[in-house]
């Protein structure tokens, strides 16, 4: 693929997770010329990447439909700029290409939220999903002692996966209260399929303690994790362990949507009942529009793909299914809301921005994300605020600033493409003079 390649599609789907797969399938089955682009080298997103080539009961039908519908798969492409409406620039391992589209569906998924606490930067302290992904990629976990901490059903899923691969799960630390979990269990009773899934996870984790109102206070070790101190119902306890897997909710990847000019409210892309964003011809579904899990991502993706293909009547038949999935998402949000005690975890010398080595003590003297960024370089490192940004939003209630290209780190040659595209647009608007 050369830097002059121009790929044109009726519908372009950005993001290869469940929402993206569903959107691409429904648009292609409706007769559109469709492509799905993802920065990873396999489709599936964080949850299905290791399953798309296997026999995963949820993923397999969508992958088969994607293949039958002749959707163009563009893996290993990282989108970094939009010179103008209808054109995205993407970088591959060694090149740049232009992706042109009539309709766009943004299904960029989410990433883990990291909350800083003393020792969180030690080796072998992972995000919960991150450790699971490492094990899927071959990290040996058999016989290793693991503490899983944070909040939400993801903790159980990760713990069960690690245990199936031979890990010794010492404890699951859930920051939500026992009463909050009890109320959520009542909600699950109204959705038998979800209740069955939860009971199956607990069966797989038989003998593993789940402690409510519990969270990590500090990780200890000489460069590598050796133990973790937890707050367990207002009492501290230290456990020797090999890995600590922390999961404090997900953060939607809204950078592309923001660059396109889509309205972002409360950290999520705002969409109407048709999954249409505030930008005409641009749709969004899945985690960027609200954290809700696989079922909600799939049905929102279907609706977005159908609407992008002009099949509004078919899309409307899925509205009631989406409403049911959204009710569960609301219940999840209420049950596992992060408690205010977690804002007190960092000590003065706890690094919040790992890329630029900015400690908590420096940041708490500023009143906004912009001020801290200008004075400390917080958020200006390799991750471009993707880790420290959500952390400071929770710790200080700071709001993120506007998004500018490139929205991800790129090569200097790719930056030159941005300049060239801008000059081309300017030349066209001025009539070539």
Protein backbone atom coordinates (compact mmCIF):
# COMPACT_ATOMS: atom_id res chain seq x y z
CA UNK A 1 0.00 0.00 0.00
CA UNK A 2 1.69 3.20 -1.13
CA UNK A 3 1.27 6.65 0.38
CA UNK A 4 -0.80 7.62 -2.66
CA UNK A 5 -3.33 4.78 -2.25
CA UNK A 6 -6.90 6.11 -2.05
CA UNK A 7 -9.48 3.64 -0.77
CA UNK A 8 -13.15 4.55 -1.29
CA UNK A 9 -16.18 3.04 0.44
CA UNK A 10 -19.88 3.66 0.84
CA UNK A 11 -19.54 2.92 4.56
CA UNK A 12 -16.31 2.94 6.55
CA UNK A 13 -16.36 1.41 10.04
CA UNK A 14 -13.50 2.39 12.36
CA UNK A 15 -12.99 -0.14 15.14
CA UNK A 16 -13.03 -3.93 14.90
CA UNK A 17 -14.73 -4.89 18.18
CA UNK A 18 -18.28 -6.28 18.54
CA UNK A 19 -19.95 -2.96 17.63
CA UNK A 20 -17.76 -2.53 14.56
CA UNK A 21 -18.29 -6.09 13.35
CA UNK A 22 -22.06 -5.75 13.71
CA UNK A 23 -22.12 -2.37 11.94
CA UNK A 24 -19.99 -3.61 9.04
CA UNK A 25 -22.03 -6.79 8.61
CA UNK A 26 -25.43 -5.07 8.57
CA UNK A 27 -24.26 -2.32 6.19
CA UNK A 28 -22.65 -4.83 3.79
CA UNK A 29 -25.66 -7.16 3.89
CA UNK A 30 -27.74 -4.12 2.88
CA UNK A 31 -25.77 -3.77 -0.36
CA UNK A 32 -23.17 -1.17 0.64
CA UNK A 33 -19.47 -1.32 -0.23
CA UNK A 34 -18.03 -1.57 3.28
CA UNK A 35 -14.62 -1.58 4.91
CA UNK A 36 -13.73 -2.09 8.56
CA UNK A 37 -10.45 -0.59 9.83
CA UNK A 38 -8.66 -1.34 13.09
CA UNK A 39 -5.22 -0.46 14.46
CA UNK A 40 -4.68 -4.01 15.68
CA UNK A 41 -3.67 -6.83 13.38
CA UNK A 42 -6.75 -8.91 14.18
CA UNK A 43 -10.39 -7.98 14.49
CA UNK A 44 -12.30 -8.56 17.71
CA UNK A 45 -11.41 -5.60 19.88
CA UNK A 46 -10.20 -6.06 23.44
CA UNK A 47 -12.82 -8.68 24.22
CA UNK A 48 -12.91 -10.83 21.08
CA UNK A 49 -9.43 -10.49 19.54
CA UNK A 50 -8.23 -13.93 20.60
CA UNK A 51 -11.60 -15.48 19.71
CA UNK A 52 -12.23 -14.40 16.13
CA UNK A 53 -10.13 -17.25 14.75
CA UNK A 54 -11.57 -19.81 17.15
CA UNK A 55 -14.90 -21.20 18.19
CA UNK A 56 -16.14 -18.41 20.47
CA UNK A 57 -19.92 -18.80 20.51
CA UNK A 58 -20.58 -15.05 20.33
CA UNK A 59 -17.85 -13.99 17.92
CA UNK A 60 -17.97 -16.81 15.36
CA UNK A 61 -21.38 -15.99 13.76
CA UNK A 62 -20.40 -12.37 13.19
CA UNK A 63 -17.04 -13.28 11.70
CA UNK A 64 -18.70 -15.72 9.30
CA UNK A 65 -21.26 -13.12 8.25
CA UNK A 66 -18.48 -10.57 7.76
CA UNK A 67 -16.68 -12.97 5.41
CA UNK A 68 -19.83 -13.84 3.47
CA UNK A 69 -20.70 -10.18 3.04
CA UNK A 70 -17.30 -9.44 1.42
CA UNK A 71 -16.40 -6.67 3.84
CA UNK A 72 -12.92 -5.26 3.18
CA UNK A 73 -10.81 -5.76 6.30
CA UNK A 74 -8.09 -3.16 6.92
CA UNK A 75 -6.14 -4.26 9.99
CA UNK A 76 -2.97 -2.62 11.24
CA UNK A 77 -4.13 0.87 10.23
CA UNK A 78 -3.97 3.68 12.78
CA UNK A 79 -6.12 6.67 11.83
CA UNK A 80 -4.51 9.94 12.85
CA UNK A 81 -6.14 12.84 10.97
CA UNK A 82 -9.16 14.08 9.03
CA UNK A 83 -8.05 16.74 6.52
CA UNK A 84 -11.69 17.30 5.54
CA UNK A 85 -15.09 15.58 5.69
CA UNK A 86 -15.08 12.26 3.88
CA UNK A 87 -11.33 11.64 4.14
CA UNK A 88 -9.28 10.03 6.90
CA UNK A 89 -5.52 9.56 6.91
CA UNK A 90 -4.23 6.27 8.34
CA UNK A 91 -0.76 4.96 9.06
CA UNK A 92 0.34 1.35 8.58
CA UNK A 93 3.65 -0.16 9.66
CA UNK A 94 5.52 1.51 6.81
CA UNK A 95 3.12 3.74 4.92
CA UNK A 96 0.18 6.14 4.87
CA UNK A 97 -3.10 5.72 3.02
CA UNK A 98 -6.24 7.75 2.40
CA UNK A 99 -9.61 6.32 3.42
CA UNK A 100 -12.53 7.98 1.66
CA UNK A 101 -16.12 7.35 2.63
CA UNK A 102 -19.71 8.47 2.18
CA UNK A 103 -20.84 7.35 5.67
CA UNK A 104 -18.68 6.69 8.71
CA UNK A 105 -19.37 4.54 11.78
CA UNK A 106 -17.10 5.21 14.77
CA UNK A 107 -16.80 2.11 17.00
CA UNK A 108 -13.44 2.81 18.62
CA UNK A 109 -14.19 0.97 21.87
CA UNK A 110 -12.71 1.79 25.25
CA UNK A 111 -9.60 1.38 27.34
CA UNK A 112 -9.03 0.66 31.01
CA UNK A 113 -9.06 3.39 33.62
CA UNK A 114 -5.99 3.39 35.84
CA UNK A 115 -6.19 4.97 39.29
CA UNK A 116 -2.81 5.92 40.78
CA UNK A 117 -1.79 4.58 44.18
CA UNK A 118 1.66 4.07 45.71
CA UNK A 119 3.48 1.37 43.75
CA UNK A 120 1.08 1.22 40.80
CA UNK A 121 3.99 1.67 38.36
CA UNK A 122 5.85 -1.44 39.60
CA UNK A 123 6.42 -4.25 37.13
CA UNK A 124 3.65 -6.89 37.27
CA UNK A 125 0.98 -4.39 38.29
CA UNK A 126 -1.40 -4.56 35.32
CA UNK A 127 -4.80 -3.43 34.27
CA UNK A 128 -7.19 -6.36 34.69
CA UNK A 129 -7.93 -6.56 30.99
CA UNK A 130 -4.27 -5.92 30.24
CA UNK A 131 -3.12 -8.95 32.21
CA UNK A 132 -5.79 -11.09 30.55
CA UNK A 133 -4.59 -9.89 27.13
CA UNK A 134 -0.98 -10.70 28.05
CA UNK A 135 -1.96 -14.22 29.06
CA UNK A 136 -3.91 -14.62 25.79
CA UNK A 137 -0.69 -13.62 24.01
CA UNK A 138 1.35 -16.25 25.81
CA UNK A 139 2.40 -14.84 29.20
CA UNK A 140 2.86 -17.85 31.52
CA UNK A 141 0.51 -17.53 34.50
CA UNK A 142 0.41 -21.11 35.78
CA UNK A 143 1.15 -21.25 39.49
CA UNK A 144 1.37 -17.46 39.85
CA UNK A 145 -0.36 -15.76 42.79
CA UNK A 146 -2.75 -13.07 41.57
CA UNK A 147 -4.83 -10.43 43.35
CA UNK A 148 -7.64 -8.97 41.22
CA UNK A 149 -8.92 -5.58 42.34
CA UNK A 150 -11.20 -2.79 41.17
CA UNK A 151 -14.89 -2.92 40.31
CA UNK A 152 -17.48 -4.48 38.05
CA UNK A 153 -18.21 -7.86 36.43
CA UNK A 154 -14.95 -7.68 34.47
CA UNK A 155 -13.12 -8.66 37.66
CA UNK A 156 -14.92 -12.01 37.78
CA UNK A 157 -14.38 -12.67 34.08
CA UNK A 158 -10.67 -11.92 34.31
CA UNK A 159 -10.22 -13.95 37.51
CA UNK A 160 -12.02 -16.94 35.96
CA UNK A 161 -9.90 -16.73 32.80
CA UNK A 162 -6.65 -16.56 34.76
CA UNK A 163 -7.72 -19.45 36.98
CA UNK A 164 -8.52 -21.60 33.94
CA UNK A 165 -4.91 -21.00 32.85
CA UNK A 166 -3.48 -22.14 36.15
CA UNK A 167 -3.22 -18.94 38.20
CA UNK A 168 -3.85 -18.98 41.94
CA UNK A 169 -6.40 -16.24 42.60
CA UNK A 170 -5.74 -15.07 46.15
CA UNK A 171 -8.56 -12.55 46.42
CA UNK A 172 -11.00 -10.52 44.33
CA UNK A 173 -11.24 -7.00 45.77
CA UNK A 174 -14.49 -5.26 44.81
CA UNK A 175 -14.72 -1.60 45.82
CA UNK A 176 -18.54 -1.58 45.64
CA UNK A 177 -20.49 -2.37 48.80
CA UNK A 178 -22.30 -5.63 49.50
CA UNK A 179 -25.63 -3.80 49.39
CA UNK A 180 -24.86 -2.38 45.94
CA UNK A 181 -24.06 -5.87 44.66
CA UNK A 182 -27.27 -7.21 46.16
CA UNK A 183 -29.33 -4.59 44.32
CA UNK A 184 -27.53 -5.42 41.09
CA UNK A 185 -28.26 -9.13 41.61
CA UNK A 186 -31.98 -8.29 41.74
CA UNK A 187 -31.62 -6.58 38.34
CA UNK A 188 -29.87 -9.65 36.92
CA UNK A 189 -32.86 -11.80 37.91
CA UNK A 190 -34.86 -9.94 35.27
CA UNK A 191 -32.35 -11.04 32.61
CA UNK A 192 -31.96 -14.83 32.91
CA UNK A 193 -29.15 -15.07 30.34
CA UNK A 194 -26.98 -12.59 32.24
CA UNK A 195 -27.80 -14.22 35.55
CA UNK A 196 -26.74 -17.60 34.14
CA UNK A 197 -23.43 -16.09 33.00
CA UNK A 198 -22.80 -14.61 36.45
CA UNK A 199 -23.58 -17.88 38.20
CA UNK A 200 -21.27 -19.75 35.82
CA UNK A 201 -18.42 -17.37 36.66
CA UNK A 202 -18.99 -17.86 40.39
CA UNK A 203 -18.99 -21.62 39.86
CA UNK A 204 -15.64 -21.38 38.07
CA UNK A 205 -14.33 -19.30 40.97
CA UNK A 206 -15.52 -21.65 43.71
CA UNK A 207 -13.25 -21.31 46.72
CA UNK A 208 -12.00 -17.84 45.71
CA UNK A 209 -12.98 -15.10 48.14
CA UNK A 210 -14.69 -11.96 46.82
CA UNK A 211 -14.36 -9.12 49.32
CA UNK A 212 -16.67 -6.09 48.96
CA UNK A 213 -15.75 -2.54 50.07
CA UNK A 214 -12.14 -3.52 49.39
CA UNK A 215 -9.47 -1.85 47.26
CA UNK A 216 -5.66 -1.62 46.91
CA UNK A 217 -3.81 0.91 49.07
CA UNK A 218 -0.24 0.27 47.92
CA UNK A 219 1.88 -2.17 45.93
CA UNK A 220 5.31 -3.10 47.28
CA UNK A 221 8.49 -4.49 45.78
CA UNK A 222 12.01 -3.73 44.62
CA UNK A 223 11.24 -2.78 41.00
CA UNK A 224 8.96 -5.85 40.70
CA UNK A 225 5.74 -6.48 42.62
CA UNK A 226 6.16 -8.58 45.75
CA UNK A 227 3.03 -7.77 47.79
CA UNK A 228 -0.02 -5.52 47.94
CA UNK A 229 -1.69 -3.80 50.88
CA UNK A 230 -5.46 -3.59 50.64
CA UNK A 231 -8.15 -1.75 52.55
CA UNK A 232 -10.65 -4.42 53.50
CA UNK A 233 -13.73 -2.90 55.12
CA UNK A 234 -11.61 -0.14 56.72
CA UNK A 235 -8.85 -2.52 57.87
CA UNK A 236 -5.55 -2.93 56.06
CA UNK A 237 -4.11 -6.29 55.07
CA UNK A 238 -0.95 -7.17 53.12
CA UNK A 239 -0.84 -10.12 50.70
CA UNK A 240 2.24 -11.54 49.02
CA UNK A 241 1.56 -11.93 45.29
CA UNK A 242 3.17 -12.18 41.86
CA UNK A 243 0.62 -10.11 39.92
CA UNK A 244 -1.90 -7.40 40.75
CA UNK A 245 -4.65 -6.89 38.17
CA UNK A 246 -6.63 -3.66 38.64
CA UNK A 247 -9.78 -2.66 36.76
CA UNK A 248 -11.53 0.60 37.64
CA UNK A 249 -14.05 0.84 34.80
CA UNK A 250 -13.47 1.62 31.14
CA UNK A 251 -12.81 4.95 29.45
CA UNK A 252 -14.38 5.46 26.00
CA UNK A 253 -12.02 6.18 23.11
CA UNK A 254 -13.59 9.40 21.83
CA UNK A 255 -10.53 11.06 20.27
CA UNK A 256 -11.53 10.34 16.67
CA UNK A 257 -15.12 11.40 17.23
CA UNK A 258 -13.94 14.64 18.85
CA UNK A 259 -11.58 15.32 15.94
CA UNK A 260 -14.50 14.86 13.53
CA UNK A 261 -16.43 17.52 15.45
CA UNK A 262 -18.95 15.18 17.09
CA UNK A 263 -20.53 16.49 20.28
CA UNK A 264 -19.03 14.91 23.40
CA UNK A 265 -21.00 15.16 26.64
CA UNK A 266 -20.05 13.60 29.95
CA UNK A 267 -17.12 11.88 28.26
CA UNK A 268 -19.30 10.06 25.70
CA UNK A 269 -20.20 10.66 22.04
CA UNK A 270 -23.75 11.99 21.85
CA UNK A 271 -26.03 10.13 19.43
CA UNK A 272 -29.73 10.18 18.60
CA UNK A 273 -32.04 7.16 18.45
CA UNK A 274 -30.50 6.20 15.10
CA UNK A 275 -26.92 6.22 16.51
CA UNK A 276 -26.35 9.38 14.44
CA UNK A 277 -23.83 11.84 15.92
CA UNK A 278 -24.07 15.62 15.68
CA UNK A 279 -22.07 15.43 12.43
CA UNK A 280 -24.18 14.45 9.39
CA UNK A 281 -23.20 11.09 7.94
CA UNK A 282 -21.20 10.06 11.01
CA UNK A 283 -22.63 7.37 13.30
CA UNK A 284 -21.24 5.89 16.50
CA UNK A 285 -21.97 2.80 18.58
CA UNK A 286 -20.53 0.70 21.35
CA UNK A 287 -18.43 1.99 24.23
CA UNK A 288 -17.77 5.52 22.81
CA UNK A 289 -21.49 6.25 23.31
CA UNK A 290 -21.71 4.66 26.77
CA UNK A 291 -20.13 1.72 28.58
CA UNK A 292 -22.63 -1.13 28.32
CA UNK A 293 -20.98 -4.43 27.44
CA UNK A 294 -21.05 -6.76 24.45
CA UNK A 295 -24.82 -7.12 24.03
CA UNK A 296 -25.43 -3.37 23.90
CA UNK A 297 -22.43 -2.84 21.61
CA UNK A 298 -23.74 -5.43 19.15
CA UNK A 299 -27.26 -4.05 18.87
CA UNK A 300 -26.05 -0.44 18.67
CA UNK A 301 -23.61 -1.52 15.95
CA UNK A 302 -26.40 -3.19 14.01
CA UNK A 303 -28.55 -0.06 14.19
CA UNK A 304 -25.66 2.19 13.13
CA UNK A 305 -24.77 -0.04 10.18
CA UNK A 306 -28.36 -0.25 9.00
CA UNK A 307 -28.88 3.50 9.31
CA UNK A 308 -25.66 4.19 7.40
CA UNK A 309 -27.07 1.94 4.66
CA UNK A 310 -30.40 3.79 4.68
CA UNK A 311 -32.36 0.89 6.21
CA UNK A 312 -34.20 2.83 8.92
CA UNK A 313 -37.25 0.53 8.96
CA UNK A 314 -35.10 -2.52 9.69
CA UNK A 315 -33.08 -0.60 12.27
CA UNK A 316 -36.20 0.41 14.20
CA UNK A 317 -37.05 -3.24 14.83
CA UNK A 318 -33.96 -3.40 17.06
CA UNK A 319 -34.88 -0.43 19.28
CA UNK A 320 -36.64 -2.53 21.93
CA UNK A 321 -33.66 -4.91 22.16
CA UNK A 322 -31.35 -1.92 22.62
CA UNK A 323 -33.61 -0.51 25.35
CA UNK A 324 -33.32 -3.77 27.34
CA UNK A 325 -29.54 -3.74 27.04
CA UNK A 326 -29.40 -0.11 28.13
CA UNK A 327 -31.38 -0.86 31.28
CA UNK A 328 -28.71 -3.36 32.32
CA UNK A 329 -26.00 -0.80 31.52
CA UNK A 330 -27.70 1.74 33.80
CA UNK A 331 -27.87 -0.83 36.59
CA UNK A 332 -24.15 -1.53 36.15
CA UNK A 333 -23.38 2.17 36.36
CA UNK A 334 -25.34 2.56 39.60
CA UNK A 335 -23.96 -0.55 41.29
CA UNK A 336 -20.29 -0.03 40.49
CA UNK A 337 -19.91 3.75 40.71
CA UNK A 338 -16.41 4.60 41.98
CA UNK A 339 -16.47 5.61 45.63
CA UNK A 340 -14.91 8.93 46.73
CA UNK A 341 -12.40 7.21 49.04
CA UNK A 342 -10.43 6.22 45.93
CA UNK A 343 -9.47 9.85 45.32
CA UNK A 344 -7.34 9.73 48.49
CA UNK A 345 -5.15 6.82 47.35
CA UNK A 346 -2.16 8.73 45.86
CA UNK A 347 0.54 10.03 48.19
CA UNK A 348 2.45 13.19 47.32
CA UNK A 349 5.19 11.35 45.44
CA UNK A 350 2.87 8.94 43.62
CA UNK A 351 3.37 9.38 39.87
CA UNK A 352 0.16 10.28 38.07
CA UNK A 353 1.69 10.93 34.65
CA UNK A 354 4.10 8.05 34.09
CA UNK A 355 5.31 9.28 30.70
CA UNK A 356 6.60 12.60 32.07
CA UNK A 357 7.19 11.53 35.72
CA UNK A 358 4.73 14.05 37.18
CA UNK A 359 3.80 13.31 40.83
CA UNK A 360 0.48 13.93 42.54
CA UNK A 361 1.96 16.72 44.70
CA UNK A 362 2.69 18.89 41.64
CA UNK A 363 -0.68 18.36 40.02
CA UNK A 364 -2.86 19.17 43.01
CA UNK A 365 -1.63 22.79 42.97
CA UNK A 366 -3.36 23.47 39.65
CA UNK A 367 -7.02 24.12 38.91
CA UNK A 368 -7.39 22.63 35.43
CA UNK A 369 -6.04 20.05 33.02
CA UNK A 370 -4.75 22.80 30.72
CA UNK A 371 -2.85 24.60 33.47
CA UNK A 372 -1.25 21.38 34.70
CA UNK A 373 -0.35 20.38 31.15
CA UNK A 374 1.34 23.71 30.41
CA UNK A 375 3.31 23.80 33.66
CA UNK A 376 4.20 20.13 34.22
CA UNK A 377 3.90 18.44 30.77
CA UNK A 378 1.31 16.08 32.25
CA UNK A 379 -0.41 14.39 29.33
CA UNK A 380 2.26 15.34 26.80
CA UNK A 381 4.13 12.03 26.78
CA UNK A 382 3.82 8.98 24.56
CA UNK A 383 0.28 8.08 25.67
CA UNK A 384 -0.94 11.64 25.03
CA UNK A 385 -3.00 11.72 28.22
CA UNK A 386 -4.82 8.45 27.64
CA UNK A 387 -3.75 7.17 31.08
CA UNK A 388 -3.27 10.28 33.21
CA UNK A 389 -6.17 12.19 31.62
CA UNK A 390 -8.95 9.92 32.97
CA UNK A 391 -7.06 9.62 36.26
CA UNK A 392 -6.95 13.39 36.79
CA UNK A 393 -10.57 13.67 35.70
CA UNK A 394 -11.50 11.37 38.58
CA UNK A 395 -9.03 12.76 41.11
CA UNK A 396 -9.54 16.48 40.45
CA UNK A 397 -12.71 16.63 38.35
CA UNK A 398 -10.70 18.17 35.50
CA UNK A 399 -12.20 18.17 32.04
CA UNK A 400 -10.18 17.25 28.92
CA UNK A 401 -9.36 19.90 26.33
CA UNK A 402 -9.97 19.86 22.58
CA UNK A 403 -8.43 17.17 20.36
CA UNK A 404 -5.94 18.08 17.64
CA UNK A 405 -4.25 15.92 14.99
CA UNK A 406 -2.42 13.65 15.09
CA UNK A 407 -4.68 11.83 17.54
CA UNK A 408 -2.04 9.12 18.05
CA UNK A 409 1.77 9.08 17.82
CA UNK A 410 2.91 8.85 14.19
CA UNK A 411 6.10 8.97 12.17
CA UNK A 412 7.54 12.27 10.92
CA UNK A 413 6.73 11.23 7.36
CA UNK A 414 3.08 10.89 8.37
CA UNK A 415 3.14 14.36 9.92
CA UNK A 416 4.32 15.67 6.56
CA UNK A 417 1.21 14.07 5.04
CA UNK A 418 -0.95 16.21 7.36
CA UNK A 419 0.84 19.35 6.17
CA UNK A 420 0.50 18.30 2.54
CA UNK A 421 -3.21 17.57 2.92
CA UNK A 422 -3.79 20.92 4.61
CA UNK A 423 -1.98 22.77 1.83
CA UNK A 424 -4.03 20.87 -0.77
CA UNK A 425 -7.29 21.86 0.92
CA UNK A 426 -6.17 25.48 1.19
CA UNK A 427 -5.16 25.53 -2.48
CA UNK A 428 -8.54 24.12 -3.50
CA UNK A 429 -10.46 26.69 -1.45
CA UNK A 430 -8.43 29.58 -2.89
CA UNK A 431 -8.76 28.45 -6.48
CA UNK A 432 -5.12 27.47 -6.74
CA UNK A 433 -3.72 30.98 -6.13
